[in-house]
Amino acid sequence: DVNGGMSKKFYEYKKMVWANQLSYKFNIANDHHFDALVGYEIDDQYRDYLSGYATNFATADKDEISNGMKTESVGGSSTRTRMVSYLTRVNYDYKNKYYLGGSFRTDGSSRLHKDSRWGSFWSVSAAWRMIEEEFMNPAKGWLTDLKIRASYGVNGTLPSDYFGYMGLSSLTNGYLEQPGIIQSQIKNTDLKWETNYNLNLGLDFSLFNRINATLEYYTRTTKNLLMDRPISMTTGFGSYLMNIGEVKNKGVELEISSTNIKTKDFSWNTTFNISHNKNEIVTLDGMQTEIISGTQIRKVGKSYRTFSMIEFAGINPETGAPQFYTNDLDENGNYIKEITEKYSEANAIVLDKHAEPNVIGGLSNTLRYKWFDLNFMFSYQFGGYSYDNWAQKTEHGGNDLEANIPTYYRDSWKQPGDITKYELFIESPDVAMNKSTTTRRLHSSDFIRLKTLTFGITLPQVWTQKIGVNNVRVYASANNLWTWAAYDYYDPEAVSGGSAIWGTPPLKTVTFGLSVNF
């Protein structure tokens, strides 16, 4: 507009938490120790949003929406959610050797219908500090701690939508700017808590007062799984939030920390951790055994984030055109690996690749010498995959000369005989790959990253105390300085749910600091 336009937006967020707890600790005969707690909590959250846009202003210095001669749009929304909780917990131990614990809580949430908004959850735990037993005395010279523990419990997960169970309607401009109402959400009063059943077994031990280790095995079974179920488009909707399935996770975690060297002037400590998790969809609603969700499939017997798409067959070395496997089925149910250049003739298949990594972990080291200290930590993951959704905006070939062009197109097909992954770069919609969902965009998400690096100098107290200062430390710290990635065109940690798009990668930062304590 020649006289300018202006928009204003107003956000307000209020949260009120009211928590009341009563705890009581007591001992019986100095050997029996009890710790009990009861509580009541309220969580009330309110969000308000208001926006307006106007044009045709007489002057630029009167920045109020009302000073615009034409109001282009006005919008707003408000949401409110509440949860009430009643809880109790009891812990007991005998001579700090045998431990028992239990908890119970009931939660009610406004996100669910009144007939199903209350959920009851509980847990029990036990532990045995074996090192305190007399029969362990012969091993105490090298085994300085030993404890086994177990727990089992149930907790709940709410729908992310505040009004997911309601049938909702929305106002529109209708026809010729006359108001109208359309249905925006299907009613589902049967929506309820997603419940998680957790089993955890653990072993803690220490060797020579130098090596500490924790080993855990767990299973997590999620029932009444909250998921969008596809429905007939004749309803006006593509999916419907329901409790429709069961997923099981199981895995192991190991953490080891050690004091490698410890002298008067020098010390070196290391911490290493590694974990493995595997999940599987056990059931889906009724007779349904699979649900397509973009580039992924929810299929009974498969990982929750298993990929499903058309299989890329490379570039035709004679013409530079992309090729795909048809993957039709023969009479025995096996895929026929015929090659076609027509994307419409290819069929998507369920791949043996998933978004969840098989292994994740980290390694950190801390070294100190007199006044100096150095700490560095690596993180890593292996075994998962991610889909490059950015490619749909960039892999136009030469068909959209105004679009960003990926650097890997430098290796595109140029002449007969070229063996490459990237098609002929010409202006032709028949060659462009931006609308082709294929395995060419599916990449390993393996990486190793130098997560943190810190170097510091702490001045001796015999110096600093002369000027009335207890401690002075100067340090420099850096984050994400170095990364090795199996596929480095986008950051492996800028991936959400197996999809790489819009994610913000971890920033490389360098910080210098001075810490003074009096």
Protein backbone atom coordinates (compact mmCIF):
# COMPACT_ATOMS: atom_id res chain seq x y z
CA ASP A 1 0.00 0.00 0.00
CA VAL A 2 1.31 3.43 -0.94
CA ASN A 3 0.46 4.80 2.52
CA GLY A 4 1.91 1.85 4.36
CA GLY A 5 0.57 -0.93 6.52
CA MET A 6 1.09 -2.09 10.08
CA SER A 7 0.38 -5.21 12.07
CA LYS A 8 0.31 -5.69 15.83
CA LYS A 9 0.30 -8.92 17.77
CA PHE A 10 -0.33 -9.45 21.46
CA TYR A 11 0.54 -12.64 23.34
CA GLU A 12 -0.24 -13.35 26.97
CA TYR A 13 0.65 -16.49 28.92
CA LYS A 14 -0.34 -17.08 32.51
CA LYS A 15 0.50 -20.11 34.60
CA MET A 16 -0.59 -20.73 38.17
CA VAL A 17 0.74 -23.68 40.14
CA TRP A 18 -0.56 -24.33 43.64
CA ALA A 19 1.24 -27.19 45.39
CA ASN A 20 0.62 -28.42 48.92
CA GLN A 21 2.74 -31.19 50.40
CA LEU A 22 2.95 -32.71 53.84
CA SER A 23 5.96 -34.93 54.58
CA TYR A 24 6.86 -36.92 57.67
CA LYS A 25 10.09 -38.77 58.47
CA PHE A 26 10.55 -41.06 61.44
CA ASN A 27 12.66 -43.97 62.66
CA ILE A 28 11.85 -47.07 64.68
CA ALA A 29 14.61 -48.55 66.84
CA ASN A 30 17.23 -46.68 64.80
CA ASP A 31 17.12 -49.38 62.12
CA HIS A 32 13.79 -48.79 60.40
CA HIS A 33 13.61 -45.53 58.45
CA PHE A 34 10.36 -44.16 57.01
CA ASP A 35 9.71 -41.20 54.72
CA ALA A 36 6.07 -40.44 53.83
CA LEU A 37 4.48 -37.69 51.76
CA VAL A 38 0.97 -36.66 50.68
CA GLY A 39 0.20 -33.80 48.33
CA TYR A 40 -2.34 -31.87 46.33
CA GLU A 41 -1.49 -29.80 43.22
CA ILE A 42 -3.29 -27.54 40.76
CA ASP A 43 -1.81 -26.47 37.41
CA ASP A 44 -3.76 -23.75 35.58
CA GLN A 45 -2.48 -22.39 32.23
CA TYR A 46 -4.01 -19.65 30.12
CA ARG A 47 -2.91 -18.35 26.71
CA ASP A 48 -4.37 -15.35 24.88
CA TYR A 49 -3.50 -14.10 21.39
CA LEU A 50 -4.77 -11.04 19.51
CA SER A 51 -3.62 -9.61 16.17
CA GLY A 52 -4.63 -6.88 13.76
CA TYR A 53 -3.47 -5.49 10.42
CA ALA A 54 -4.44 -2.15 8.88
CA THR A 55 -3.33 -0.08 5.86
CA ASN A 56 -3.58 3.44 4.44
CA PHE A 57 -2.05 5.55 7.21
CA ALA A 58 -2.09 9.34 7.08
CA THR A 59 1.26 9.64 8.89
CA ALA A 60 4.05 7.27 9.87
CA ASP A 61 4.40 8.46 13.48
CA LYS A 62 0.98 7.32 14.72
CA ASP A 63 1.64 3.60 15.10
CA GLU A 64 -1.77 2.40 16.21
CA ILE A 65 -4.01 0.04 14.28
CA SER A 66 -6.96 2.41 14.67
CA ASN A 67 -5.11 5.11 12.68
CA GLY A 68 -5.19 2.98 9.54
CA MET A 69 -8.07 3.86 7.26
CA LYS A 70 -8.63 0.24 6.22
CA THR A 71 -8.64 -2.70 8.60
CA GLU A 72 -7.39 -5.67 6.62
CA SER A 73 -7.64 -8.41 9.24
CA VAL A 74 -8.33 -9.04 12.92
CA GLY A 75 -7.65 -12.36 14.61
CA GLY A 76 -7.24 -13.94 17.97
CA SER A 77 -7.54 -17.02 20.12
CA SER A 78 -7.54 -18.06 23.75
CA THR A 79 -6.92 -21.42 25.37
CA ARG A 80 -7.03 -22.66 28.93
CA THR A 81 -6.11 -25.99 30.46
CA ARG A 82 -6.19 -27.22 34.05
CA MET A 83 -4.95 -30.28 35.88
CA VAL A 84 -5.59 -31.37 39.46
CA SER A 85 -3.42 -34.00 41.15
CA TYR A 86 -3.62 -35.97 44.40
CA LEU A 87 -0.46 -37.86 45.30
CA THR A 88 1.17 -39.93 48.00
CA ARG A 89 4.56 -41.59 48.45
CA VAL A 90 6.13 -43.86 51.07
CA ASN A 91 9.80 -44.93 51.26
CA TYR A 92 11.27 -47.40 53.75
CA ASP A 93 14.73 -48.80 54.40
CA TYR A 94 16.21 -51.14 56.96
CA LYS A 95 19.74 -50.30 58.13
CA ASN A 96 20.36 -48.53 54.79
CA LYS A 97 20.57 -52.02 53.34
CA TYR A 98 17.07 -53.01 52.17
CA TYR A 99 14.86 -50.44 50.45
CA LEU A 100 11.16 -50.42 49.57
CA GLY A 101 9.13 -47.65 47.99
CA GLY A 102 5.68 -47.00 46.65
CA SER A 103 3.74 -44.11 45.16
CA PHE A 104 0.21 -43.43 43.96
CA ARG A 105 -1.32 -40.43 42.25
CA THR A 106 -4.58 -39.46 40.60
CA ASP A 107 -4.62 -36.76 37.92
CA GLY A 108 -7.59 -35.04 36.34
CA SER A 109 -7.19 -32.93 33.19
CA SER A 110 -9.47 -30.59 31.28
CA ARG A 111 -7.98 -31.95 28.02
CA LEU A 112 -10.24 -35.00 28.28
CA HIS A 113 -14.00 -35.54 28.54
CA LYS A 114 -15.45 -35.57 32.05
CA ASP A 115 -16.07 -39.33 31.82
CA SER A 116 -12.40 -40.15 31.14
CA ARG A 117 -10.35 -37.20 32.39
CA TRP A 118 -9.18 -38.90 35.60
CA GLY A 119 -6.24 -41.28 35.54
CA SER A 120 -4.68 -43.24 38.41
CA PHE A 121 -0.98 -44.09 38.31
CA TRP A 122 1.33 -45.92 40.68
CA SER A 123 4.80 -47.38 41.14
CA VAL A 124 6.65 -49.78 43.44
CA SER A 125 10.40 -50.18 43.89
CA ALA A 126 12.89 -52.28 45.84
CA ALA A 127 16.67 -52.27 46.26
CA TRP A 128 19.28 -54.34 48.05
CA ARG A 129 22.67 -52.89 48.97
CA MET A 130 24.54 -56.18 48.92
CA ILE A 131 27.89 -54.68 49.88
CA GLU A 132 26.57 -54.26 53.44
CA GLU A 133 26.09 -58.02 53.89
CA GLU A 134 28.67 -59.89 55.97
CA PHE A 135 29.28 -62.48 53.25
CA MET A 136 30.62 -59.64 51.04
CA ASN A 137 33.44 -58.77 53.47
CA PRO A 138 36.10 -60.83 51.59
CA ALA A 139 35.44 -58.78 48.43
CA LYS A 140 35.49 -55.33 50.00
CA GLY A 141 39.17 -54.89 49.22
CA TRP A 142 38.34 -54.38 45.55
CA LEU A 143 34.52 -54.17 45.44
CA THR A 144 33.65 -50.96 47.27
CA ASP A 145 29.93 -50.81 46.45
CA LEU A 146 27.27 -53.17 45.08
CA LYS A 147 23.55 -52.54 44.80
CA ILE A 148 20.73 -54.14 42.82
CA ARG A 149 17.36 -52.50 42.30
CA ALA A 150 14.05 -52.97 40.53
CA SER A 151 10.96 -50.88 39.92
CA TYR A 152 7.63 -51.18 38.16
CA GLY A 153 5.08 -48.46 37.59
CA VAL A 154 2.40 -46.89 35.45
CA ASN A 155 2.27 -43.27 34.28
CA GLY A 156 0.12 -41.39 31.79
CA THR A 157 0.41 -39.10 28.78
CA LEU A 158 -2.19 -36.52 27.76
CA PRO A 159 -3.15 -35.48 24.21
CA SER A 160 -1.15 -32.44 23.08
CA ASP A 161 -4.35 -30.71 21.91
CA TYR A 162 -6.20 -28.81 24.61
CA PHE A 163 -9.63 -29.65 23.16
CA GLY A 164 -8.91 -32.90 21.34
CA TYR A 165 -12.10 -34.63 22.54
CA MET A 166 -14.48 -31.85 21.48
CA GLY A 167 -16.40 -31.39 18.27
CA LEU A 168 -15.32 -27.93 17.12
CA SER A 169 -16.53 -25.44 14.53
CA SER A 170 -14.78 -22.41 13.07
CA LEU A 171 -16.09 -19.11 11.74
CA THR A 172 -15.10 -18.14 8.20
CA ASN A 173 -15.67 -15.23 5.84
CA GLY A 174 -18.12 -17.47 4.04
CA TYR A 175 -19.42 -16.20 0.70
CA LEU A 176 -19.21 -12.53 -0.33
CA GLU A 177 -17.72 -11.75 3.12
CA GLN A 178 -20.83 -13.03 4.87
CA PRO A 179 -20.09 -15.09 8.01
CA GLY A 180 -20.19 -18.86 7.88
CA ILE A 181 -19.47 -21.81 10.14
CA ILE A 182 -17.62 -24.99 9.23
CA GLN A 183 -16.79 -28.07 11.27
CA SER A 184 -13.08 -28.00 12.18
CA GLN A 185 -12.75 -31.08 14.43
CA ILE A 186 -14.65 -34.33 14.92
CA LYS A 187 -15.96 -35.09 18.38
CA ASN A 188 -14.35 -37.98 20.28
CA THR A 189 -15.51 -38.25 23.87
CA ASP A 190 -13.85 -41.69 24.13
CA LEU A 191 -10.38 -40.11 24.07
CA LYS A 192 -8.46 -41.06 27.23
CA TRP A 193 -5.04 -41.16 28.89
CA GLU A 194 -2.23 -42.93 27.08
CA THR A 195 -0.76 -45.30 29.69
CA ASN A 196 2.87 -46.41 30.01
CA TYR A 197 3.87 -49.55 31.94
CA ASN A 198 7.53 -49.31 32.96
CA LEU A 199 9.84 -52.04 34.27
CA ASN A 200 13.39 -51.13 35.29
CA LEU A 201 16.16 -53.42 36.58
CA GLY A 202 19.46 -51.90 37.68
CA LEU A 203 22.89 -52.79 38.99
CA ASP A 204 25.27 -50.26 40.59
CA PHE A 205 28.81 -51.14 41.60
CA SER A 206 32.16 -49.55 42.40
CA LEU A 207 35.67 -51.00 42.05
CA PHE A 208 38.71 -49.89 44.04
CA ASN A 209 37.00 -46.56 44.80
CA ARG A 210 38.03 -45.54 41.27
CA ILE A 211 35.53 -47.07 38.87
CA ASN A 212 31.77 -46.54 39.25
CA ALA A 213 29.29 -48.22 36.92
CA THR A 214 25.54 -48.33 36.43
CA LEU A 215 23.84 -50.93 34.23
CA GLU A 216 20.10 -50.77 33.56
CA TYR A 217 17.61 -52.83 31.61
CA TYR A 218 14.12 -51.48 30.96
CA THR A 219 10.89 -52.19 29.15
CA ARG A 220 8.18 -49.65 28.45
CA THR A 221 4.82 -50.77 27.10
CA THR A 222 2.54 -47.98 25.92
CA LYS A 223 -1.16 -48.84 25.70
CA ASN A 224 -4.07 -46.73 24.46
CA LEU A 225 -1.53 -45.11 22.13
CA LEU A 226 -2.57 -41.62 21.01
CA MET A 227 -2.34 -41.52 17.23
CA ASP A 228 -4.07 -39.92 14.25
CA ARG A 229 -6.01 -42.65 12.47
CA PRO A 230 -6.76 -42.11 8.75
CA ILE A 231 -10.46 -41.91 7.93
CA SER A 232 -12.51 -41.54 4.76
CA MET A 233 -12.16 -38.12 3.14
CA THR A 234 -15.94 -38.08 2.69
CA THR A 235 -16.09 -36.92 6.32
CA GLY A 236 -14.20 -33.77 5.38
CA PHE A 237 -11.18 -34.85 7.40
CA GLY A 238 -8.13 -36.96 6.66
CA SER A 239 -7.49 -38.31 10.16
CA TYR A 240 -8.95 -38.61 13.63
CA LEU A 241 -7.10 -38.58 16.99
CA MET A 242 -7.80 -41.85 18.85
CA ASN A 243 -6.37 -44.33 21.36
CA ILE A 244 -5.61 -47.03 18.82
CA GLY A 245 -2.59 -49.12 19.61
CA GLU A 246 0.21 -50.53 21.71
CA VAL A 247 3.96 -49.94 21.40
CA LYS A 248 6.74 -51.69 23.30
CA ASN A 249 10.20 -50.26 23.97
CA LYS A 250 13.05 -52.17 25.55
CA GLY A 251 16.68 -51.35 25.98
CA VAL A 252 19.84 -51.23 28.05
CA GLU A 253 21.90 -48.33 29.39
CA LEU A 254 25.46 -48.38 30.70
CA GLU A 255 27.44 -45.59 32.35
CA ILE A 256 31.01 -45.91 33.61
CA SER A 257 32.95 -43.18 35.38
CA SER A 258 36.56 -43.62 36.40
CA THR A 259 39.38 -41.83 38.16
CA ASN A 260 42.23 -42.76 35.85
CA ILE A 261 45.01 -40.80 37.58
CA LYS A 262 44.99 -38.90 40.85
CA THR A 263 48.15 -37.33 42.31
CA LYS A 264 48.88 -34.18 44.24
CA ASP A 265 49.23 -32.06 41.10
CA PHE A 266 47.46 -34.04 38.38
CA SER A 267 44.11 -35.82 37.96
CA TRP A 268 42.26 -37.37 35.04
CA ASN A 269 38.58 -38.46 35.19
CA THR A 270 36.52 -40.10 32.45
CA THR A 271 32.79 -40.75 32.02
CA PHE A 272 31.42 -42.97 29.25
CA ASN A 273 27.79 -43.83 28.55
CA ILE A 274 26.04 -45.87 25.91
CA SER A 275 22.42 -46.91 25.44
CA HIS A 276 20.42 -49.06 23.05
CA ASN A 277 16.66 -48.94 22.53
CA LYS A 278 14.38 -50.99 20.31
CA ASN A 279 10.70 -50.35 19.84
CA GLU A 280 7.97 -52.25 18.08
CA ILE A 281 4.31 -51.65 17.34
CA VAL A 282 2.43 -54.54 18.95
CA THR A 283 -1.15 -53.76 17.92
CA LEU A 284 -3.20 -51.18 16.07
CA ASP A 285 -6.92 -50.59 16.29
CA GLY A 286 -9.17 -53.43 15.18
CA MET A 287 -8.24 -55.14 11.92
CA GLN A 288 -5.87 -52.35 10.90
CA THR A 289 -2.21 -53.42 10.76
CA GLU A 290 -0.59 -50.35 9.20
CA ILE A 291 -1.02 -46.58 8.94
CA ILE A 292 0.86 -44.47 6.38
CA SER A 293 2.24 -41.23 7.83
CA GLY A 294 4.12 -39.26 5.16
CA THR A 295 7.46 -40.96 4.50
CA GLN A 296 6.90 -43.36 7.42
CA ILE A 297 4.58 -46.23 8.20
CA ARG A 298 3.11 -47.42 11.49
CA LYS A 299 3.04 -51.18 10.97
CA VAL A 300 2.53 -54.02 13.43
CA GLY A 301 5.84 -55.77 14.06
CA LYS A 302 7.91 -52.80 12.88
CA SER A 303 9.62 -49.89 14.60
CA TYR A 304 7.32 -46.92 15.24
CA ARG A 305 9.22 -44.69 12.80
CA THR A 306 9.90 -47.15 9.98
CA PHE A 307 10.36 -45.55 6.57
CA SER A 308 8.21 -46.42 3.56
CA MET A 309 8.74 -44.92 0.10
CA ILE A 310 9.63 -45.55 -3.54
CA GLU A 311 13.04 -47.14 -4.10
CA PHE A 312 15.48 -45.04 -6.14
CA ALA A 313 17.32 -47.04 -8.85
CA GLY A 314 19.96 -44.47 -9.78
CA ILE A 315 20.47 -42.31 -12.86
CA ASN A 316 20.30 -43.73 -16.36
CA PRO A 317 23.96 -43.43 -17.47
CA GLU A 318 22.93 -42.92 -21.11
CA THR A 319 20.20 -40.27 -20.72
CA GLY A 320 20.72 -38.71 -17.26
CA ALA A 321 17.10 -39.42 -16.28
CA PRO A 322 16.20 -40.67 -12.76
CA GLN A 323 15.12 -44.31 -12.44
CA PHE A 324 12.97 -46.17 -9.93
CA TYR A 325 12.20 -49.78 -9.03
CA THR A 326 8.61 -50.74 -9.81
CA ASN A 327 8.51 -53.22 -6.90
CA ASP A 328 5.42 -55.04 -8.12
CA LEU A 329 4.67 -58.28 -6.29
CA ASP A 330 4.92 -61.72 -7.90
CA GLU A 331 2.66 -64.66 -7.01
CA ASN A 332 4.92 -65.52 -4.05
CA GLY A 333 4.75 -62.04 -2.58
CA ASN A 334 8.31 -61.09 -3.59
CA TYR A 335 9.22 -57.73 -5.10
CA ILE A 336 9.99 -57.60 -8.82
CA LYS A 337 12.99 -55.29 -9.27
CA GLU A 338 12.13 -53.88 -12.69
CA ILE A 339 13.43 -50.38 -13.49
CA THR A 340 11.31 -47.55 -14.85
CA GLU A 341 11.85 -43.87 -15.55
CA LYS A 342 8.20 -43.11 -14.76
CA TYR A 343 7.70 -42.23 -11.11
CA SER A 344 3.99 -43.11 -11.35
CA GLU A 345 4.83 -46.73 -12.22
CA ALA A 346 6.84 -47.31 -9.03
CA ASN A 347 5.37 -48.60 -5.77
CA ALA A 348 6.37 -47.60 -2.26
CA ILE A 349 7.76 -50.40 -0.08
CA VAL A 350 8.35 -50.82 3.64
CA LEU A 351 12.08 -50.42 4.26
CA ASP A 352 14.23 -52.03 6.91
CA LYS A 353 15.31 -48.56 8.06
CA HIS A 354 13.94 -46.44 10.86
CA ALA A 355 14.49 -43.01 12.40
CA GLU A 356 15.43 -44.21 15.88
CA PRO A 357 19.20 -44.72 16.31
CA ASN A 358 20.33 -48.13 17.54
CA VAL A 359 23.00 -46.66 19.80
CA ILE A 360 23.46 -43.24 21.43
CA GLY A 361 25.95 -42.09 24.04
CA GLY A 362 28.76 -39.81 25.08
CA LEU A 363 32.32 -39.62 26.35
CA SER A 364 33.76 -36.89 28.58
CA ASN A 365 37.19 -36.32 30.10
CA THR A 366 38.36 -33.86 32.74
CA LEU A 367 42.07 -33.22 33.30
CA ARG A 368 43.55 -30.98 35.99
CA TYR A 369 47.17 -29.96 36.49
CA LYS A 370 47.91 -27.52 39.30
CA TRP A 371 46.12 -24.33 38.25
CA PHE A 372 44.91 -25.60 34.88
CA ASP A 373 41.85 -27.65 33.94
CA LEU A 374 40.63 -29.05 30.63
CA ASN A 375 37.28 -30.69 29.91
CA PHE A 376 35.95 -32.07 26.63
CA MET A 377 32.85 -34.11 25.82
CA PHE A 378 31.85 -36.06 22.71
CA SER A 379 28.32 -37.22 21.85
CA TYR A 380 27.41 -39.81 19.23
CA GLN A 381 24.64 -41.88 17.68
CA PHE A 382 24.59 -44.75 15.18
CA GLY A 383 22.02 -46.84 13.36
CA GLY A 384 19.24 -44.36 12.55
CA TYR A 385 18.12 -42.65 9.34
CA SER A 386 16.57 -39.32 8.41
CA TYR A 387 14.65 -38.12 5.37
CA ASP A 388 15.73 -34.90 3.64
CA ASN A 389 12.46 -32.99 3.31
CA TRP A 390 14.40 -29.89 2.29
CA ALA A 391 15.05 -31.56 -1.06
CA GLN A 392 11.47 -30.97 -2.17
CA LYS A 393 12.30 -27.26 -2.12
CA THR A 394 15.69 -27.49 -3.82
CA GLU A 395 15.81 -30.50 -6.18
CA HIS A 396 14.19 -28.73 -9.13
CA GLY A 397 17.05 -29.56 -11.45
CA GLY A 398 17.01 -26.72 -13.96
CA ASN A 399 13.23 -26.40 -13.86
CA ASP A 400 13.22 -23.51 -11.37
CA LEU A 401 16.20 -21.26 -11.96
CA GLU A 402 15.16 -18.95 -9.09
CA ALA A 403 15.31 -21.71 -6.47
CA ASN A 404 18.35 -22.50 -4.35
CA ILE A 405 20.51 -25.16 -5.96
CA PRO A 406 22.21 -27.77 -3.73
CA THR A 407 25.98 -27.98 -4.07
CA TYR A 408 25.76 -31.71 -4.75
CA TYR A 409 24.36 -30.88 -8.21
CA ARG A 410 27.97 -30.18 -9.17
CA ASP A 411 28.16 -33.97 -9.49
CA SER A 412 25.06 -34.25 -11.69
CA TRP A 413 24.94 -36.23 -14.95
CA LYS A 414 26.59 -34.35 -17.83
CA GLN A 415 27.29 -36.80 -20.63
CA PRO A 416 26.55 -40.41 -21.63
CA GLY A 417 28.46 -42.88 -19.49
CA ASP A 418 28.45 -40.76 -16.33
CA ILE A 419 27.71 -42.80 -13.19
CA THR A 420 26.16 -40.49 -10.60
CA LYS A 421 23.26 -40.12 -8.15
CA TYR A 422 22.05 -36.81 -9.60
CA GLU A 423 20.01 -36.29 -12.74
CA LEU A 424 20.60 -34.20 -15.83
CA PHE A 425 20.40 -30.50 -14.96
CA ILE A 426 17.98 -29.08 -17.54
CA GLU A 427 14.71 -27.16 -17.54
CA SER A 428 12.25 -30.03 -17.64
CA PRO A 429 9.55 -31.10 -15.17
CA ASP A 430 10.03 -34.70 -16.34
CA VAL A 431 13.54 -34.76 -14.87
CA ALA A 432 13.12 -32.61 -11.74
CA MET A 433 13.10 -34.64 -8.51
CA ASN A 434 11.52 -32.12 -6.13
CA LYS A 435 8.21 -34.02 -6.01
CA SER A 436 9.75 -37.49 -5.92
CA THR A 437 9.69 -39.13 -2.49
CA THR A 438 12.40 -41.77 -2.86
CA THR A 439 15.19 -43.50 -0.98
CA ARG A 440 17.69 -41.12 -2.57
CA ARG A 441 16.74 -38.63 0.16
CA LEU A 442 17.05 -41.19 2.95
CA HIS A 443 20.37 -40.79 4.74
CA SER A 444 22.21 -42.24 7.71
CA SER A 445 21.98 -40.00 10.78
CA ASP A 446 25.21 -41.37 12.31
CA PHE A 447 27.45 -38.72 13.82
CA ILE A 448 30.19 -38.00 16.36
CA ARG A 449 30.34 -34.47 17.76
CA LEU A 450 32.73 -32.57 20.00
CA LYS A 451 29.93 -31.15 22.11
CA THR A 452 31.89 -29.04 24.59
CA LEU A 453 35.49 -27.98 25.15
CA THR A 454 36.52 -25.91 28.17
CA PHE A 455 39.92 -24.71 29.32
CA GLY A 456 40.35 -22.83 32.58
CA ILE A 457 42.97 -21.38 34.91
CA THR A 458 42.28 -21.05 38.64
CA LEU A 459 44.70 -18.74 40.42
CA PRO A 460 46.24 -20.06 43.66
CA GLN A 461 44.42 -18.91 46.79
CA VAL A 462 47.70 -17.80 48.37
CA TRP A 463 47.70 -15.07 45.71
CA THR A 464 44.03 -14.12 45.66
CA GLN A 465 43.51 -14.06 49.44
CA LYS A 466 46.09 -11.29 49.72
CA ILE A 467 43.61 -8.99 47.98
CA GLY A 468 40.53 -10.32 49.81
CA VAL A 469 39.35 -12.65 47.07
CA ASN A 470 38.62 -16.31 47.77
CA ASN A 471 38.73 -17.66 44.22
CA VAL A 472 39.53 -16.37 40.71
CA ARG A 473 39.05 -18.48 37.56
CA VAL A 474 39.53 -17.47 33.93
CA TYR A 475 38.14 -19.80 31.27
CA ALA A 476 37.31 -20.23 27.60
CA SER A 477 34.54 -22.56 26.48
CA ALA A 478 33.37 -23.71 23.05
CA ASN A 479 30.37 -25.74 21.88
CA ASN A 480 29.94 -27.88 18.76
CA LEU A 481 33.39 -27.13 17.36
CA TRP A 482 33.71 -30.32 15.30
CA THR A 483 31.30 -32.86 13.83
CA TRP A 484 31.73 -35.98 11.76
CA ALA A 485 28.49 -37.04 10.07
CA ALA A 486 27.76 -39.90 7.70
CA TYR A 487 25.71 -37.39 5.68
CA ASP A 488 26.81 -33.82 6.20
CA TYR A 489 24.53 -31.80 3.93
CA TYR A 490 22.32 -30.98 6.94
CA ASP A 491 23.00 -31.25 10.64
CA PRO A 492 22.02 -34.67 12.08
CA GLU A 493 20.76 -33.00 15.27
CA ALA A 494 18.48 -30.65 13.32
CA VAL A 495 16.20 -33.61 12.62
CA SER A 496 12.78 -34.07 14.21
CA GLY A 497 10.96 -37.40 14.08
CA GLY A 498 13.19 -38.59 11.25
CA SER A 499 12.49 -35.56 9.06
CA ALA A 500 15.05 -32.87 8.19
CA ILE A 501 13.23 -29.60 7.55
CA TRP A 502 13.03 -26.27 9.39
CA GLY A 503 15.28 -27.63 12.16
CA THR A 504 17.83 -25.28 13.71
CA PRO A 505 21.26 -26.91 14.03
CA PRO A 506 23.28 -26.56 17.26
CA LEU A 507 25.29 -23.37 17.02
CA LYS A 508 29.05 -23.17 17.21
CA THR A 509 29.77 -20.84 20.12
CA VAL A 510 32.87 -19.61 21.92
CA THR A 511 32.62 -18.05 25.39
CA PHE A 512 35.24 -16.32 27.50
CA GLY A 513 34.59 -15.86 31.20
CA LEU A 514 35.90 -14.62 34.52
CA SER A 515 34.61 -16.03 37.82
CA VAL A 516 35.43 -14.21 41.08
CA ASN A 517 34.26 -15.41 44.52
CA PHE A 518 34.70 -13.33 47.65
